[in-house]
C-alpha cells in the first residue's frame, strides 16, 4: 500500500482553487426550502436490543420526497434526558445494521445511526433498507445516478435526509438541542460536512463535527487518482461516455465537500489516512484547509501516515470520546 498522493508536508498547505458550480448556494437553499414546511413526521418505536444498559428505538422520519428514512436511536437505559446527541452517518455500502452496541450511549449520550437510503449491500441488517422508488438500486452505482442534472442526483437525496434528521432530532424531548455533534467516516464524513454547511445556512449551531477520511471531497481530483472505491464508478462511466465529462463534474460539484467545508461554522476534528486508496488524502486536506473559510479557529486533524481507508479505527473513536466529554460537559 504505497504512498500515491501528496506527502504530509505538501498536503498540510494544500489549498486548490476549485471553482464552485453556478448557483451553489441557491441550489441548496431551494432544496431546503422545498421541505421547510413539510413535517419531519418523526416516529420512535421501542426496539428490543437484548441489552440491559442501553435502550433502543426504531427511528423513522420523512426525508427527501417524503420517503421514510430509518435509523436507530440509542440512549442509556431508563434515562429521560435531555441528553447530548451524536448523529452518526455511515459509509458507502453500509446500513444501520444490527443494534448490538453503542459506545456513545454507553458514554451517557443519545446516539442516532442514520440509514443511507437504498444502500446496505455490504452489511447485515434486521430490516429492509428504506424501500422506495427514489432510493436507488440497492447495489453500487450511486455516484452516477443523474450525472446530467444535480436536481436528480442521489446525493441530493442523501444530504437532504441527513439534514432533516438533524432538524427532527432537535425537536425530541430526549435531546438537548444545544449539544448535538455530527460524526461520520468516508461517505458519512461527506454527509457530516454537508450537514454542517446546511446547518450554518439555516442558523443552526452544532457543538462539533467529527469527520473521518471524508468521501466526496475535491471530487474531480479524486476521480483522477483514486485506485479503489466508489470514485471508480464515475471513471468507468465516463470512460464509455467521454462527451459527458464536463456536465458530469459540474453536477458532482454541487455535492463536493470542498465547497460545503468553506461554509461550515462549527469546531471540527478530522482524520486523514495518507495511504488511503479509496479517498485520496489530498482531497481530505483540501476540505480540512478550506473548513470555515478562515472563520473557524477550532479545527484539528489526526494524521495516520501509514494507514489505509480504515484510518485510526478504534484509536480514533477513543480520541473522539475524549473530545466529546469536554464538548458536552
Protein backbone atom coordinates (compact mmCIF):
# COMPACT_ATOMS: atom_id res chain seq x y z
CA UNK A 1 0.00 0.00 0.00
CA UNK A 2 2.37 2.73 -1.20
CA UNK A 3 2.06 6.49 -0.85
CA UNK A 4 0.33 7.51 -4.10
CA UNK A 5 -0.67 11.10 -3.31
CA UNK A 6 0.89 14.17 -1.71
CA UNK A 7 3.35 13.83 1.15
CA UNK A 8 2.39 15.22 4.57
CA UNK A 9 4.41 18.44 4.30
CA UNK A 10 2.88 19.38 0.96
CA UNK A 11 -0.61 18.23 1.98
CA UNK A 12 -0.71 20.41 5.09
CA UNK A 13 -0.83 23.54 2.95
CA UNK A 14 -2.82 22.14 0.03
CA UNK A 15 -5.50 24.66 -0.93
CA UNK A 16 -6.63 24.01 -4.51
CA UNK A 17 -8.55 26.65 -6.40
CA UNK A 18 -11.65 24.70 -7.40
CA UNK A 19 -14.44 26.86 -8.89
CA UNK A 20 -17.89 26.27 -7.48
CA UNK A 21 -20.75 25.36 -9.80
CA UNK A 22 -23.08 28.21 -10.68
CA UNK A 23 -25.70 28.90 -8.05
CA UNK A 24 -24.35 26.53 -5.40
CA UNK A 25 -25.99 28.43 -2.53
CA UNK A 26 -29.28 28.92 -4.34
CA UNK A 27 -29.38 25.23 -5.32
CA UNK A 28 -29.19 24.18 -1.67
CA UNK A 29 -31.43 26.98 -0.43
CA UNK A 30 -34.10 25.87 -2.90
CA UNK A 31 -33.61 22.24 -1.86
CA UNK A 32 -34.12 23.05 1.81
CA UNK A 33 -36.97 25.48 1.09
CA UNK A 34 -38.79 22.72 -0.77
CA UNK A 35 -39.10 20.86 2.54
CA UNK A 36 -39.19 23.74 5.01
CA UNK A 37 -42.93 23.38 5.57
CA UNK A 38 -43.03 19.58 5.48
CA UNK A 39 -43.26 17.97 8.95
CA UNK A 40 -40.41 15.63 9.85
CA UNK A 41 -43.10 13.17 10.98
CA UNK A 42 -40.70 11.53 13.41
CA UNK A 43 -41.63 8.17 14.91
CA UNK A 44 -39.69 6.26 17.56
CA UNK A 45 -40.79 2.72 18.38
CA UNK A 46 -39.09 0.89 21.28
CA UNK A 47 -36.94 -1.97 20.00
CA UNK A 48 -35.71 -4.96 21.97
CA UNK A 49 -31.92 -4.74 21.60
CA UNK A 50 -31.36 -7.59 24.11
CA UNK A 51 -29.19 -5.36 26.28
CA UNK A 52 -29.83 -4.22 29.84
CA UNK A 53 -27.90 -0.94 29.93
CA UNK A 54 -28.92 0.68 26.63
CA UNK A 55 -32.40 1.45 25.32
CA UNK A 56 -33.02 1.43 21.56
CA UNK A 57 -35.79 2.83 19.37
CA UNK A 58 -36.55 2.11 15.72
CA UNK A 59 -36.47 5.66 14.36
CA UNK A 60 -38.12 6.95 11.20
CA UNK A 61 -38.66 10.39 9.65
CA UNK A 62 -39.76 11.98 6.38
CA UNK A 63 -36.77 12.53 4.12
CA UNK A 64 -36.36 13.58 0.53
CA UNK A 65 -39.60 13.28 -1.48
CA UNK A 66 -41.25 12.44 1.86
CA UNK A 67 -39.96 8.87 1.69
CA UNK A 68 -39.27 7.26 5.06
CA UNK A 69 -35.70 7.24 6.31
CA UNK A 70 -34.70 4.89 9.09
CA UNK A 71 -32.25 4.97 11.95
CA UNK A 72 -31.53 3.55 15.35
CA UNK A 73 -31.78 5.77 18.40
CA UNK A 74 -29.75 4.53 21.37
CA UNK A 75 -29.61 6.03 24.86
CA UNK A 76 -28.61 4.99 28.38
CA UNK A 77 -31.35 2.78 29.80
CA UNK A 78 -34.18 4.49 31.68
CA UNK A 79 -32.75 8.00 31.24
CA UNK A 80 -35.26 10.73 30.36
CA UNK A 81 -32.89 13.47 29.19
CA UNK A 82 -32.37 15.96 27.80
CA UNK A 83 -29.13 14.35 26.67
CA UNK A 84 -26.29 15.40 24.40
CA UNK A 85 -26.66 13.75 21.00
CA UNK A 86 -24.26 12.23 18.48
CA UNK A 87 -25.70 11.79 14.98
CA UNK A 88 -23.70 9.24 13.03
CA UNK A 89 -23.71 9.00 9.23
CA UNK A 90 -22.41 5.85 7.59
CA UNK A 91 -20.02 4.83 4.83
CA UNK A 92 -20.79 3.72 1.29
CA UNK A 93 -22.48 0.28 1.20
CA UNK A 94 -23.45 0.49 4.89
CA UNK A 95 -26.77 0.04 6.63
CA UNK A 96 -27.78 0.97 10.16
CA UNK A 97 -27.03 -2.66 10.89
CA UNK A 98 -27.94 -4.68 13.97
CA UNK A 99 -28.38 -2.65 17.20
CA UNK A 100 -25.96 -4.59 19.37
CA UNK A 101 -23.99 -1.77 20.94
CA UNK A 102 -23.31 1.96 21.07
CA UNK A 103 -20.17 3.38 22.68
CA UNK A 104 -21.83 6.80 22.66
CA UNK A 105 -24.87 5.60 24.59
CA UNK A 106 -22.52 3.79 26.95
CA UNK A 107 -20.77 7.14 27.47
CA UNK A 108 -24.07 8.73 28.51
CA UNK A 109 -25.26 10.32 25.26
CA UNK A 110 -28.14 9.80 22.88
CA UNK A 111 -26.90 8.32 19.59
CA UNK A 112 -28.68 8.21 16.23
CA UNK A 113 -27.36 5.92 13.49
CA UNK A 114 -28.74 7.06 10.13
CA UNK A 115 -29.51 4.52 7.42
CA UNK A 116 -28.17 5.62 4.00
CA UNK A 117 -31.14 5.18 1.69
CA UNK A 118 -31.02 2.31 -0.75
CA UNK A 119 -27.61 1.08 0.36
CA UNK A 120 -26.72 -1.71 2.76
CA UNK A 121 -25.46 -4.34 0.34
CA UNK A 122 -22.20 -4.69 2.26
CA UNK A 123 -23.56 -5.03 5.82
CA UNK A 124 -26.12 -7.24 7.58
CA UNK A 125 -29.29 -5.68 8.96
CA UNK A 126 -32.50 -6.77 10.66
CA UNK A 127 -34.76 -4.61 8.50
CA UNK A 128 -35.15 -3.72 4.85
CA UNK A 129 -33.32 -0.54 3.90
CA UNK A 130 -35.75 2.28 3.03
CA UNK A 131 -37.64 0.62 0.11
CA UNK A 132 -38.77 3.48 -2.11
CA UNK A 133 -38.67 4.35 -5.80
CA UNK A 134 -36.33 7.27 -5.04
CA UNK A 135 -33.82 5.22 -3.08
CA UNK A 136 -31.59 3.81 -5.80
CA UNK A 137 -30.72 0.32 -6.89
CA UNK A 138 -29.59 -1.32 -3.66
CA UNK A 139 -26.19 -2.05 -5.24
CA UNK A 140 -23.13 0.01 -6.22
CA UNK A 141 -23.74 2.74 -8.76
CA UNK A 142 -24.99 5.70 -6.72
CA UNK A 143 -22.23 8.04 -7.91
CA UNK A 144 -23.51 8.05 -11.48
CA UNK A 145 -27.23 8.49 -10.89
CA UNK A 146 -28.38 11.58 -12.82
CA UNK A 147 -24.95 12.93 -13.71
CA UNK A 148 -26.59 15.28 -16.19
CA UNK A 149 -28.74 17.13 -13.63
CA UNK A 150 -27.93 17.78 -9.95
CA UNK A 151 -31.63 18.03 -9.10
CA UNK A 152 -31.98 14.29 -9.66
CA UNK A 153 -28.67 13.12 -8.27
CA UNK A 154 -28.60 10.56 -5.49
CA UNK A 155 -26.58 12.72 -3.11
CA UNK A 156 -29.19 15.47 -3.19
CA UNK A 157 -31.46 12.89 -1.62
CA UNK A 158 -28.91 11.62 0.88
CA UNK A 159 -27.80 15.05 2.10
CA UNK A 160 -31.43 16.15 2.48
CA UNK A 161 -32.18 13.01 4.51
CA UNK A 162 -29.19 13.74 6.73
CA UNK A 163 -30.15 17.35 7.39
CA UNK A 164 -33.78 16.50 8.10
CA UNK A 165 -32.57 14.01 10.70
CA UNK A 166 -30.81 16.88 12.46
CA UNK A 167 -33.95 19.00 12.29
CA UNK A 168 -36.10 16.18 13.67
CA UNK A 169 -33.63 15.34 16.45
CA UNK A 170 -33.64 18.94 17.68
CA UNK A 171 -37.36 18.57 18.49
CA UNK A 172 -37.01 15.37 20.53
CA UNK A 173 -37.62 15.60 24.29
CA UNK A 174 -34.73 13.21 24.88
CA UNK A 175 -32.25 15.55 23.16
CA UNK A 176 -30.59 18.76 24.28
CA UNK A 177 -30.61 20.80 21.02
CA UNK A 178 -27.65 22.91 22.21
CA UNK A 179 -25.40 19.83 22.48
CA UNK A 180 -25.51 18.00 19.17
CA UNK A 181 -22.46 16.72 17.31
CA UNK A 182 -22.36 15.06 13.90
CA UNK A 183 -19.95 12.28 13.03
CA UNK A 184 -19.13 10.10 10.04
CA UNK A 185 -16.50 8.03 8.29
CA UNK A 186 -15.96 8.14 4.50
CA UNK A 187 -19.40 8.76 2.92
CA UNK A 188 -20.61 9.53 6.43
CA UNK A 189 -17.86 12.12 6.73
CA UNK A 190 -19.04 13.70 3.50
CA UNK A 191 -22.58 13.85 4.90
CA UNK A 192 -21.33 15.38 8.15
CA UNK A 193 -19.56 18.14 6.20
CA UNK A 194 -22.70 18.86 4.18
CA UNK A 195 -24.89 18.93 7.28
CA UNK A 196 -22.54 21.42 8.97
CA UNK A 197 -22.79 23.74 5.98
CA UNK A 198 -26.56 23.39 5.65
CA UNK A 199 -26.94 23.97 9.39
CA UNK A 200 -24.95 27.19 9.07
CA UNK A 201 -27.15 28.27 6.17
CA UNK A 202 -30.20 27.76 8.40
CA UNK A 203 -28.72 29.36 11.52
CA UNK A 204 -28.38 26.08 13.45
CA UNK A 205 -25.41 25.87 15.80
CA UNK A 206 -23.72 22.50 16.30
CA UNK A 207 -21.44 21.54 19.17
CA UNK A 208 -18.91 19.90 16.87
CA UNK A 209 -18.23 17.73 13.85
CA UNK A 210 -16.09 14.59 13.63
CA UNK A 211 -15.09 13.98 10.03
CA UNK A 212 -13.07 10.83 9.31
CA UNK A 213 -11.45 10.33 5.88
CA UNK A 214 -14.40 12.06 4.16
CA UNK A 215 -15.55 10.82 0.78
CA UNK A 216 -16.99 13.28 -1.80
CA UNK A 217 -14.34 16.00 -1.40
CA UNK A 218 -12.33 17.51 -4.27
CA UNK A 219 -14.20 15.07 -6.50
CA UNK A 220 -12.51 15.84 -9.81
CA UNK A 221 -9.01 15.18 -8.47
CA UNK A 222 -10.24 12.16 -6.54
CA UNK A 223 -11.57 10.58 -9.71
CA UNK A 224 -8.17 11.18 -11.33
CA UNK A 225 -6.09 9.40 -8.71
CA UNK A 226 -8.22 7.02 -6.60
CA UNK A 227 -7.35 3.39 -7.22
CA UNK A 228 -10.20 1.83 -5.24
CA UNK A 229 -13.71 2.63 -4.08
CA UNK A 230 -16.76 4.49 -5.43
CA UNK A 231 -14.89 7.15 -7.42
CA UNK A 232 -14.12 4.39 -9.91
CA UNK A 233 -17.83 4.20 -10.74
CA UNK A 234 -17.51 7.66 -12.27
CA UNK A 235 -14.28 6.72 -14.01
CA UNK A 236 -15.83 3.63 -15.61
CA UNK A 237 -18.94 5.51 -16.67
CA UNK A 238 -17.06 8.42 -18.25
CA UNK A 239 -14.66 6.06 -19.98
CA UNK A 240 -17.66 4.97 -22.03
CA UNK A 241 -19.23 8.45 -22.22
CA UNK A 242 -16.36 10.95 -22.61
CA UNK A 243 -18.63 13.63 -24.06
CA UNK A 244 -20.39 13.88 -20.69
CA UNK A 245 -17.26 14.69 -18.63
CA UNK A 246 -17.88 18.41 -18.35
CA UNK A 247 -21.53 18.09 -17.40
CA UNK A 248 -20.85 15.21 -15.01
CA UNK A 249 -18.28 17.08 -12.93
CA UNK A 250 -20.45 20.20 -12.98
CA UNK A 251 -23.23 18.10 -11.43
CA UNK A 252 -20.93 16.46 -8.88
CA UNK A 253 -19.69 19.91 -7.86
CA UNK A 254 -22.99 20.56 -6.09
CA UNK A 255 -22.15 17.69 -3.71
CA UNK A 256 -18.44 18.37 -3.26
CA UNK A 257 -17.42 18.60 0.38
CA UNK A 258 -14.77 21.13 -0.55
CA UNK A 259 -17.50 23.71 -1.23
CA UNK A 260 -19.55 22.71 1.82
CA UNK A 261 -16.47 22.90 4.05
CA UNK A 262 -15.99 26.59 3.29
CA UNK A 263 -19.49 27.26 4.63
CA UNK A 264 -19.16 25.24 7.85
CA UNK A 265 -19.04 27.23 11.08
CA UNK A 266 -18.56 24.62 13.80
CA UNK A 267 -15.50 23.21 15.54
CA UNK A 268 -14.22 20.11 13.80
CA UNK A 269 -11.97 17.12 14.28
CA UNK A 270 -10.85 15.46 11.02
CA UNK A 271 -8.78 12.39 10.33
CA UNK A 272 -6.79 11.51 7.22
CA UNK A 273 -5.04 8.31 6.14
CA UNK A 274 -2.01 9.07 3.99
CA UNK A 275 -2.10 5.70 2.17
CA UNK A 276 -5.85 5.74 1.50
CA UNK A 277 -6.55 4.36 -1.97
CA UNK A 278 -10.32 4.98 -1.90
CA UNK A 279 -10.31 8.58 -0.61
CA UNK A 280 -7.14 10.37 -1.75
CA UNK A 281 -5.60 12.12 1.25
CA UNK A 282 -5.13 15.35 -0.71
CA UNK A 283 -8.93 15.57 -1.01
CA UNK A 284 -9.28 15.34 2.77
CA UNK A 285 -6.63 18.00 3.32
CA UNK A 286 -8.32 20.25 0.76
CA UNK A 287 -11.60 20.11 2.70
CA UNK A 288 -9.88 20.49 6.05
CA UNK A 289 -7.85 23.50 4.93
CA UNK A 290 -10.98 25.11 3.47
CA UNK A 291 -13.04 24.48 6.63
CA UNK A 292 -14.83 27.58 7.80
CA UNK A 293 -13.20 29.81 5.18
CA UNK A 294 -10.92 31.24 7.85
CA UNK A 295 -13.77 31.87 10.31
CA UNK A 296 -13.35 28.72 12.47
CA UNK A 297 -10.25 28.70 14.63
CA UNK A 298 -11.03 25.47 16.48
CA UNK A 299 -10.20 22.76 13.98
CA UNK A 300 -7.96 19.72 14.29
CA UNK A 301 -6.80 16.82 12.15
CA UNK A 302 -5.39 13.43 13.15
CA UNK A 303 -2.88 12.11 10.63
CA UNK A 304 -2.30 8.37 10.12
CA UNK A 305 0.81 8.23 7.87
CA UNK A 306 0.73 4.51 7.04
CA UNK A 307 -2.99 3.76 7.26
CA UNK A 308 -5.42 2.90 4.52
CA UNK A 309 -9.08 3.86 4.36
CA UNK A 310 -9.92 2.48 7.81
CA UNK A 311 -7.64 5.20 9.24
CA UNK A 312 -7.45 5.29 13.05
CA UNK A 313 -10.30 2.83 13.72
CA UNK A 314 -10.73 2.26 17.47
CA UNK A 315 -7.95 4.72 18.33
CA UNK A 316 -9.85 7.46 16.54
CA UNK A 317 -13.10 6.57 18.30
CA UNK A 318 -11.30 6.56 21.66
CA UNK A 319 -9.98 10.07 20.97
CA UNK A 320 -13.43 11.25 19.89
CA UNK A 321 -14.93 10.07 23.17
CA UNK A 322 -12.38 12.22 24.99
CA UNK A 323 -13.25 15.28 22.94
CA UNK A 324 -17.00 14.71 23.34
CA UNK A 325 -16.63 14.54 27.12
CA UNK A 326 -15.18 18.05 27.01
CA UNK A 327 -17.67 19.39 24.46
CA UNK A 328 -20.69 18.10 26.35
CA UNK A 329 -19.52 18.78 29.89
